[in-house]
N, C-alpha and C. Protein backbone atom coordinates (compact mmCIF):
# COMPACT_ATOMS: atom_id res chain seq x y z
N MET A 1 91.29 84.33 150.90
CA MET A 1 90.73 85.16 150.14
C MET A 1 88.88 85.63 151.11
N GLY A 2 88.73 86.95 150.57
CA GLY A 2 87.96 87.51 152.54
C GLY A 2 86.72 87.40 151.67
N ILE A 3 85.61 87.20 152.51
CA ILE A 3 84.08 87.06 151.94
C ILE A 3 83.89 88.33 150.70
N PHE A 4 84.06 89.15 151.04
CA PHE A 4 83.67 90.20 149.36
C PHE A 4 84.32 89.47 148.32
N ASP A 5 85.70 88.76 148.42
CA ASP A 5 86.28 88.61 147.07
C ASP A 5 85.50 87.24 147.09
N LYS A 6 84.61 86.60 147.76
CA LYS A 6 84.03 85.33 147.16
C LYS A 6 82.57 86.33 146.84
N ILE A 7 81.81 87.05 147.47
CA ILE A 7 80.92 87.22 146.83
C ILE A 7 81.57 88.04 145.20
N LYS A 8 82.13 89.10 145.09
CA LYS A 8 82.22 89.56 143.86
C LYS A 8 82.88 88.87 142.83
N GLY A 9 83.54 87.39 143.23
CA GLY A 9 83.49 86.53 142.31
C GLY A 9 82.36 85.63 141.59
N ALA A 10 82.18 85.53 142.43
CA ALA A 10 80.59 84.60 142.21
C ALA A 10 79.72 85.52 141.43
N ILE A 11 79.77 87.07 141.44
CA ILE A 11 79.00 87.84 140.71
C ILE A 11 79.39 87.69 139.30
N PHE A 12 81.23 88.21 139.35
CA PHE A 12 81.11 88.99 138.41
C PHE A 12 81.97 87.51 138.07
N GLY A 13 82.15 86.67 137.90
CA GLY A 13 82.85 85.67 137.23
C GLY A 13 81.71 84.84 136.58
N HIS A 14 80.72 85.19 137.09
CA HIS A 14 79.30 84.31 136.73
C HIS A 14 79.07 85.17 135.38
N LYS A 15 79.31 85.62 134.65
CA LYS A 15 78.84 86.28 133.39
C LYS A 15 80.43 85.80 132.74
N ASP A 16 79.77 84.59 131.32
CA ASP A 16 80.89 84.77 130.19
C ASP A 16 80.60 85.57 129.32
N PRO A 17 81.82 86.55 128.78
CA PRO A 17 81.54 86.97 127.99
C PRO A 17 81.66 86.65 126.55
N GLY A 18 81.42 85.14 126.23
CA GLY A 18 80.81 84.62 125.23
C GLY A 18 82.41 83.88 124.54
N PRO A 19 81.76 83.31 123.43
CA PRO A 19 83.30 82.84 122.42
C PRO A 19 84.46 83.71 121.78
N GLY A 20 83.14 84.41 121.74
CA GLY A 20 83.65 85.33 120.19
C GLY A 20 84.56 87.13 121.30
N ASN A 21 84.33 87.21 122.47
CA ASN A 21 84.78 88.04 123.48
C ASN A 21 86.20 87.24 124.31
N ARG A 22 86.19 86.02 124.56
CA ARG A 22 86.80 85.58 125.35
C ARG A 22 88.56 86.48 124.90
N PRO A 23 89.52 86.82 125.67
CA PRO A 23 90.73 86.92 125.54
C PRO A 23 91.34 85.93 124.79
N GLN A 24 92.07 85.96 123.80
CA GLN A 24 92.55 84.86 123.77
C GLN A 24 94.38 85.12 124.06
N ILE A 25 95.06 83.68 124.19
CA ILE A 25 96.43 83.80 124.96
C ILE A 25 97.15 83.66 123.47
N PRO A 26 98.37 84.46 123.03
CA PRO A 26 99.19 84.44 122.01
C PRO A 26 99.89 82.96 122.39
N ALA A 27 99.82 82.61 120.99
CA ALA A 27 101.21 81.69 120.86
C ALA A 27 102.39 81.82 121.86
N GLY A 28 102.67 80.53 122.47
CA GLY A 28 103.79 80.21 123.40
C GLY A 28 103.26 80.58 124.71
N MET A 29 102.87 81.50 124.72
CA MET A 29 102.50 82.01 126.22
C MET A 29 101.44 80.87 127.31
N ALA A 30 101.52 81.32 128.60
CA ALA A 30 101.40 79.71 129.53
C ALA A 30 99.63 79.60 129.30
N GLY A 31 98.99 78.91 128.87
CA GLY A 31 97.76 78.62 128.58
C GLY A 31 97.41 78.95 127.10
N GLY A 32 98.30 79.28 126.29
CA GLY A 32 98.38 79.40 124.51
C GLY A 32 98.37 78.48 123.94
N PRO A 33 98.10 77.92 122.61
CA PRO A 33 98.61 77.03 121.74
C PRO A 33 100.59 77.19 121.85
N PRO A 34 101.08 76.29 121.49
CA PRO A 34 102.31 75.73 120.96
C PRO A 34 102.84 77.06 120.26
N LEU A 35 104.35 77.68 120.62
CA LEU A 35 104.75 78.15 119.34
C LEU A 35 104.88 77.31 117.67
N GLN A 36 104.70 77.88 116.56
CA GLN A 36 105.24 76.82 115.18
C GLN A 36 106.41 77.03 115.46
N GLN A 37 106.81 75.58 114.59
CA GLN A 37 108.51 75.72 114.72
C GLN A 37 108.50 76.44 113.09
N GLY A 38 109.84 76.71 112.77
CA GLY A 38 110.46 77.20 111.92
C GLY A 38 110.15 78.94 111.61
N GLN A 39 109.30 78.96 112.47
CA GLN A 39 109.54 80.88 112.60
C GLN A 39 109.84 82.20 113.73
N PRO A 40 111.36 81.27 113.90
CA PRO A 40 112.08 82.25 114.56
C PRO A 40 112.02 83.50 114.32
N GLY A 41 111.80 83.82 113.63
CA GLY A 41 111.58 85.45 113.22
C GLY A 41 110.59 86.38 113.85
N GLN A 42 109.27 85.65 113.92
CA GLN A 42 108.48 86.57 114.68
C GLN A 42 108.06 86.83 115.49
N GLN A 43 108.65 85.36 116.47
CA GLN A 43 108.64 85.92 118.15
C GLN A 43 108.81 87.22 118.51
N PRO A 44 110.20 87.79 118.40
CA PRO A 44 110.56 88.86 118.77
C PRO A 44 109.71 90.05 118.48
N GLN A 45 109.73 90.10 116.81
CA GLN A 45 108.11 91.36 116.79
C GLN A 45 106.62 91.22 117.54
N PHE A 46 106.47 89.42 117.76
CA PHE A 46 105.15 89.60 118.15
C PHE A 46 105.57 90.54 119.94
N GLN A 47 106.27 89.86 120.02
CA GLN A 47 106.85 90.04 122.06
C GLN A 47 106.47 91.97 122.02
N GLN A 48 107.20 92.67 120.79
CA GLN A 48 107.10 93.90 120.72
C GLN A 48 105.78 94.47 120.69
N GLN A 49 105.13 93.99 119.78
CA GLN A 49 103.52 94.21 119.71
C GLN A 49 102.93 94.34 121.08
N GLN A 50 103.06 93.25 121.57
CA GLN A 50 102.22 92.83 122.96
C GLN A 50 102.66 93.70 123.64
N GLN A 51 104.20 93.82 124.14
CA GLN A 51 104.68 94.94 124.91
C GLN A 51 103.90 96.41 124.72
N GLN A 52 103.79 97.01 123.49
CA GLN A 52 103.24 98.10 122.96
C GLN A 52 102.08 98.23 123.42
N GLN A 53 101.44 97.17 123.49
CA GLN A 53 99.74 96.83 123.39
C GLN A 53 99.02 96.58 124.67
N GLN A 54 100.01 96.19 125.23
CA GLN A 54 99.43 95.62 126.83
C GLN A 54 99.30 96.97 127.99
N PRO A 55 99.99 97.83 128.16
CA PRO A 55 100.16 98.66 129.11
C PRO A 55 98.53 99.90 128.87
N GLY A 56 97.47 100.01 127.72
CA GLY A 56 96.49 100.52 128.09
C GLY A 56 95.94 99.47 127.29
N GLY A 57 95.88 99.09 126.35
CA GLY A 57 95.06 98.15 125.74
C GLY A 57 94.31 97.32 126.80
N ALA A 58 95.36 96.14 127.16
CA ALA A 58 95.14 95.00 128.49
C ALA A 58 94.02 96.03 129.51
N ALA A 59 94.50 96.70 130.19
CA ALA A 59 93.67 97.48 130.78
C ALA A 59 92.57 97.91 130.62
N GLN A 60 92.30 98.67 129.19
CA GLN A 60 90.84 98.92 129.14
C GLN A 60 90.26 98.05 128.50
N ALA A 61 90.48 97.06 127.69
CA ALA A 61 89.71 95.93 127.75
C ALA A 61 89.54 95.17 129.17
N GLN A 62 90.30 95.19 129.94
CA GLN A 62 89.95 94.66 131.52
C GLN A 62 88.71 95.68 131.94
N GLN A 63 88.62 96.56 132.02
CA GLN A 63 87.89 97.63 132.89
C GLN A 63 86.86 97.83 131.97
N GLY A 64 86.83 97.51 130.18
CA GLY A 64 85.38 97.48 130.03
C GLY A 64 84.53 96.39 130.31
N GLN A 65 85.23 95.38 130.35
CA GLN A 65 84.34 93.91 130.59
C GLN A 65 83.84 93.82 131.88
N GLN A 66 84.28 94.74 132.87
CA GLN A 66 84.50 95.12 134.35
C GLN A 66 82.94 95.93 134.31
N GLN A 67 82.88 97.20 133.97
CA GLN A 67 81.90 97.68 133.55
C GLN A 67 80.47 97.08 133.24
N GLN A 68 80.62 95.65 132.56
CA GLN A 68 79.29 95.69 131.60
C GLN A 68 78.70 94.67 132.50
N VAL A 69 78.77 94.20 133.84
CA VAL A 69 78.61 93.71 134.96
C VAL A 69 77.13 94.58 135.37
N ASP A 70 76.05 93.42 134.87
CA ASP A 70 74.87 94.08 135.33
C ASP A 70 74.49 93.18 136.83
N VAL A 71 74.55 94.07 137.69
CA VAL A 71 74.84 92.79 138.60
C VAL A 71 73.26 92.52 139.60
N ASP A 72 72.38 93.32 139.85
CA ASP A 72 71.02 92.95 139.33
C ASP A 72 70.72 91.88 138.81
N GLN A 73 71.24 92.25 137.43
CA GLN A 73 70.63 91.02 136.07
C GLN A 73 71.33 89.77 136.53
N VAL A 74 72.58 89.82 136.65
CA VAL A 74 73.59 88.39 137.57
C VAL A 74 72.68 87.91 138.42
N LEU A 75 72.66 88.45 139.63
CA LEU A 75 71.52 87.72 140.83
C LEU A 75 70.28 87.40 140.22
N SER A 76 69.37 87.96 139.38
CA SER A 76 68.33 87.47 138.72
C SER A 76 68.67 86.13 137.74
N GLN A 77 69.60 86.09 137.30
CA GLN A 77 69.89 84.79 136.51
C GLN A 77 70.36 84.04 137.47
N ILE A 78 71.12 83.90 138.40
CA ILE A 78 71.29 82.81 139.38
C ILE A 78 69.94 82.67 140.16
N ALA A 79 68.88 83.38 140.57
CA ALA A 79 67.90 83.01 141.00
C ALA A 79 67.36 81.96 140.04
N SER A 80 67.28 82.63 138.99
CA SER A 80 66.06 81.77 138.13
C SER A 80 66.82 80.61 138.06
N GLN A 81 67.89 80.45 138.38
CA GLN A 81 68.69 78.97 137.55
C GLN A 81 68.70 78.10 138.68
N LYS A 82 68.20 78.55 140.13
CA LYS A 82 68.13 78.04 141.77
C LYS A 82 66.37 77.87 141.49
N GLY A 83 65.96 77.63 140.41
CA GLY A 83 64.30 78.27 140.62
C GLY A 83 63.92 79.01 141.38
N ASN A 84 64.67 80.06 141.19
CA ASN A 84 63.44 81.23 141.94
C ASN A 84 63.68 81.31 143.33
N PRO A 85 64.52 80.60 144.17
CA PRO A 85 63.73 80.59 145.59
C PRO A 85 63.67 82.17 146.22
N ASP A 86 62.59 81.72 147.24
CA ASP A 86 62.35 83.16 148.25
C ASP A 86 63.17 83.53 148.91
N LEU A 87 64.31 84.22 148.60
CA LEU A 87 65.53 85.31 148.54
C LEU A 87 65.17 86.78 148.21
N ASN A 88 64.74 87.50 149.54
CA ASN A 88 64.61 88.86 149.73
C ASN A 88 66.48 89.43 149.65
N TYR A 89 67.69 88.92 148.04
CA TYR A 89 69.05 89.00 148.15
C TYR A 89 69.18 90.61 147.86
N LYS A 90 67.74 91.57 146.99
CA LYS A 90 67.93 93.01 146.55
C LYS A 90 68.07 93.58 147.47
N THR A 91 67.78 93.40 148.81
CA THR A 91 67.84 93.79 150.58
C THR A 91 68.61 93.38 151.48
N SER A 92 68.56 92.14 151.28
CA SER A 92 69.13 91.23 152.87
C SER A 92 70.83 90.74 152.46
N ILE A 93 71.59 90.91 153.23
CA ILE A 93 72.69 90.29 153.43
C ILE A 93 73.10 89.16 153.36
N VAL A 94 71.96 88.89 154.35
CA VAL A 94 71.72 87.04 154.22
C VAL A 94 71.64 86.25 153.58
N ASP A 95 70.57 86.59 152.43
CA ASP A 95 70.16 86.28 151.30
C ASP A 95 70.64 86.21 150.18
N LEU A 96 71.68 87.28 150.05
CA LEU A 96 72.25 87.60 149.09
C LEU A 96 73.81 86.77 149.16
N MET A 97 74.13 86.32 150.29
CA MET A 97 75.25 85.19 150.74
C MET A 97 74.38 84.25 150.87
N LYS A 98 73.39 83.92 151.00
CA LYS A 98 72.18 82.34 150.23
C LYS A 98 72.71 82.19 148.70
N LEU A 99 72.33 82.84 148.29
CA LEU A 99 71.64 83.25 146.76
C LEU A 99 73.28 82.84 145.78
N LEU A 100 74.24 83.25 146.41
CA LEU A 100 75.74 83.10 146.13
C LEU A 100 76.47 81.79 146.41
N GLY A 101 75.57 81.20 147.74
CA GLY A 101 76.29 79.65 147.89
C GLY A 101 77.52 80.16 149.37
N ILE A 102 77.40 81.12 149.40
CA ILE A 102 78.15 81.54 150.62
C ILE A 102 77.81 81.63 151.78
N GLU A 103 78.44 80.66 152.66
CA GLU A 103 77.92 80.50 154.00
C GLU A 103 77.80 82.05 154.92
N SER A 104 76.27 81.93 155.15
CA SER A 104 76.05 83.63 155.74
C SER A 104 75.91 83.29 157.10
N SER A 105 76.70 82.82 157.76
CA SER A 105 77.02 82.74 159.43
C SER A 105 77.05 83.70 159.99
N LEU A 106 76.80 84.24 161.23
CA LEU A 106 77.30 85.59 161.92
C LEU A 106 79.03 85.54 161.94
N ASP A 107 79.59 84.53 162.04
CA ASP A 107 80.96 85.16 161.90
C ASP A 107 81.47 85.43 160.67
N ASN A 108 80.86 84.68 159.78
CA ASN A 108 81.14 85.39 158.07
C ASN A 108 80.35 86.77 157.94
N ARG A 109 79.70 86.70 158.28
CA ARG A 109 78.95 88.41 158.19
C ARG A 109 80.18 89.68 159.37
N LYS A 110 80.30 89.04 160.06
CA LYS A 110 81.01 89.47 161.49
C LYS A 110 82.82 89.89 160.15
N GLU A 111 82.96 88.99 159.73
CA GLU A 111 84.15 89.43 158.54
C GLU A 111 84.02 89.74 157.58
N LEU A 112 82.77 89.95 157.10
CA LEU A 112 82.74 91.28 155.92
C LEU A 112 82.51 92.42 156.77
N ALA A 113 81.80 92.43 157.84
CA ALA A 113 81.74 93.91 158.24
C ALA A 113 82.87 94.46 158.39
N GLN A 114 84.06 93.62 159.08
CA GLN A 114 85.57 94.17 159.29
C GLN A 114 86.38 94.30 158.03
N GLU A 115 86.04 93.52 157.33
CA GLU A 115 86.46 93.99 155.96
C GLU A 115 86.30 95.41 155.01
N LEU A 116 84.60 95.37 155.18
CA LEU A 116 84.11 96.89 154.63
C LEU A 116 83.87 97.92 155.74
N GLY A 117 84.65 97.88 156.73
CA GLY A 117 85.01 99.06 157.74
C GLY A 117 83.60 99.62 158.43
N TYR A 118 82.94 98.64 158.58
CA TYR A 118 82.05 98.97 159.27
C TYR A 118 82.27 98.96 161.04
N THR A 119 81.49 100.41 161.76
CA THR A 119 82.27 100.38 163.08
C THR A 119 81.23 100.43 164.14
N GLY A 120 80.31 99.95 163.76
CA GLY A 120 79.06 99.15 164.77
C GLY A 120 79.98 98.35 165.66
N GLU A 121 78.51 97.66 166.17
CA GLU A 121 78.81 96.48 167.05
C GLU A 121 78.89 95.09 166.42
N LEU A 122 79.58 94.02 166.18
CA LEU A 122 79.30 92.98 165.37
C LEU A 122 78.70 92.07 166.20
N ASN A 123 77.17 92.21 165.86
CA ASN A 123 76.41 91.57 166.86
C ASN A 123 75.10 90.77 166.06
N GLY A 124 75.07 91.16 164.42
CA GLY A 124 74.58 90.55 163.59
C GLY A 124 72.63 91.53 163.59
N SER A 125 73.17 92.34 164.12
CA SER A 125 71.75 93.23 164.62
C SER A 125 71.33 93.40 162.99
N ALA A 126 69.71 93.56 162.74
CA ALA A 126 69.59 94.16 161.53
C ALA A 126 69.65 95.91 161.18
N GLU A 127 70.80 96.84 161.67
CA GLU A 127 71.45 97.83 161.92
C GLU A 127 72.81 97.39 160.96
N MET A 128 73.00 96.47 161.28
CA MET A 128 74.70 96.01 160.85
C MET A 128 74.54 95.19 159.87
N ASN A 129 73.54 94.00 159.78
CA ASN A 129 73.17 93.60 158.18
C ASN A 129 72.32 94.78 157.05
N ILE A 130 71.50 95.55 157.23
CA ILE A 130 71.12 96.57 156.67
C ILE A 130 72.47 97.38 155.83
N TRP A 131 73.42 97.63 156.74
CA TRP A 131 74.99 98.19 156.20
C TRP A 131 75.68 97.75 155.53
N LEU A 132 75.76 96.23 156.07
CA LEU A 132 76.40 95.37 154.90
C LEU A 132 75.76 95.30 153.82
N HIS A 133 74.60 95.17 153.27
CA HIS A 133 74.12 94.81 151.79
C HIS A 133 74.28 95.68 151.31
N LYS A 134 73.73 97.03 151.74
CA LYS A 134 74.69 98.32 150.66
C LYS A 134 75.93 98.73 150.55
N ALA A 135 76.73 98.56 152.24
CA ALA A 135 78.38 98.92 151.77
C ALA A 135 78.92 97.80 150.85
N THR A 136 78.41 96.32 150.40
CA THR A 136 78.82 95.35 149.68
C THR A 136 78.21 96.03 148.34
N MET A 137 77.15 96.59 147.96
CA MET A 137 76.65 96.42 146.76
C MET A 137 77.49 98.09 146.21
N LYS A 138 77.51 98.80 147.08
CA LYS A 138 78.48 100.19 146.84
C LYS A 138 79.92 99.56 146.37
N GLN A 139 80.67 98.64 146.86
CA GLN A 139 81.61 97.82 146.83
C GLN A 139 82.15 97.52 145.22
N LEU A 140 80.71 96.46 145.10
CA LEU A 140 80.69 96.07 143.92
C LEU A 140 80.60 97.14 142.62
N ALA A 141 79.96 98.16 142.69
CA ALA A 141 79.97 99.38 142.07
C ALA A 141 81.29 100.00 141.81
N GLN A 142 81.99 100.33 142.48
CA GLN A 142 83.19 100.54 142.78
C GLN A 142 84.20 99.66 142.05
N HIS A 143 83.83 97.90 141.82
CA HIS A 143 84.83 97.17 141.23
C HIS A 143 84.60 96.88 139.85
N GLY A 144 83.52 97.94 139.31
CA GLY A 144 82.86 97.93 137.89
C GLY A 144 81.68 97.31 137.74
N GLY A 145 81.01 96.80 138.90
CA GLY A 145 79.65 96.38 138.58
C GLY A 145 78.78 97.64 138.45
N LYS A 146 77.79 97.39 137.84
CA LYS A 146 76.14 98.20 137.35
C LYS A 146 75.59 97.98 138.52
N VAL A 147 75.25 98.74 139.26
CA VAL A 147 74.47 98.08 140.44
C VAL A 147 73.46 99.52 140.74
N PRO A 148 72.19 99.28 140.66
CA PRO A 148 70.73 99.87 140.69
C PRO A 148 70.82 100.62 141.84
N ALA A 149 70.63 101.91 141.79
CA ALA A 149 70.78 103.06 143.33
C ALA A 149 69.85 102.21 144.20
N SER A 150 68.49 101.80 144.10
CA SER A 150 67.52 101.02 144.87
C SER A 150 68.27 100.00 145.66
N MET A 151 69.50 99.40 145.23
CA MET A 151 70.20 98.26 146.09
C MET A 151 71.52 99.16 146.62
N MET A 152 71.76 100.26 146.73
CA MET A 152 72.82 100.98 147.86
C MET A 152 72.10 102.02 148.22
N ASP A 153 71.07 102.12 148.11
CA ASP A 153 70.27 103.32 149.07
C ASP A 153 69.84 102.85 150.66
């Protein structure tokens, strides 16, 4: 798992859609409830319905959930849960990584820079760090996050 995937997972995985909005696993599938005995005729029909619904419906549901992740709100919530640490996560990649519990070492920032396509020197300069923060926010937006323009410019 790359550094960006860790950042994305920490932000997107932080939001719990709530009990009524969690996807339900159908009976008989891994992680779902067991099939009830004495209902053999219902299983094939269920599988047909599931196959018909999955191609568009599942993708749309997943896309809808991703688009609902307000990155600024999630980061503010994490900061609040941690007692509002004095971190400038809205503009600093180092502080963003610290807030998310990800090691902010130069090696990790170099790895993130390579993942995101940074072409400058990998020396931890202010230029590199500013670029990393903006590129990370843009990538989060491309992956379904709602990111304020102020965090991408």
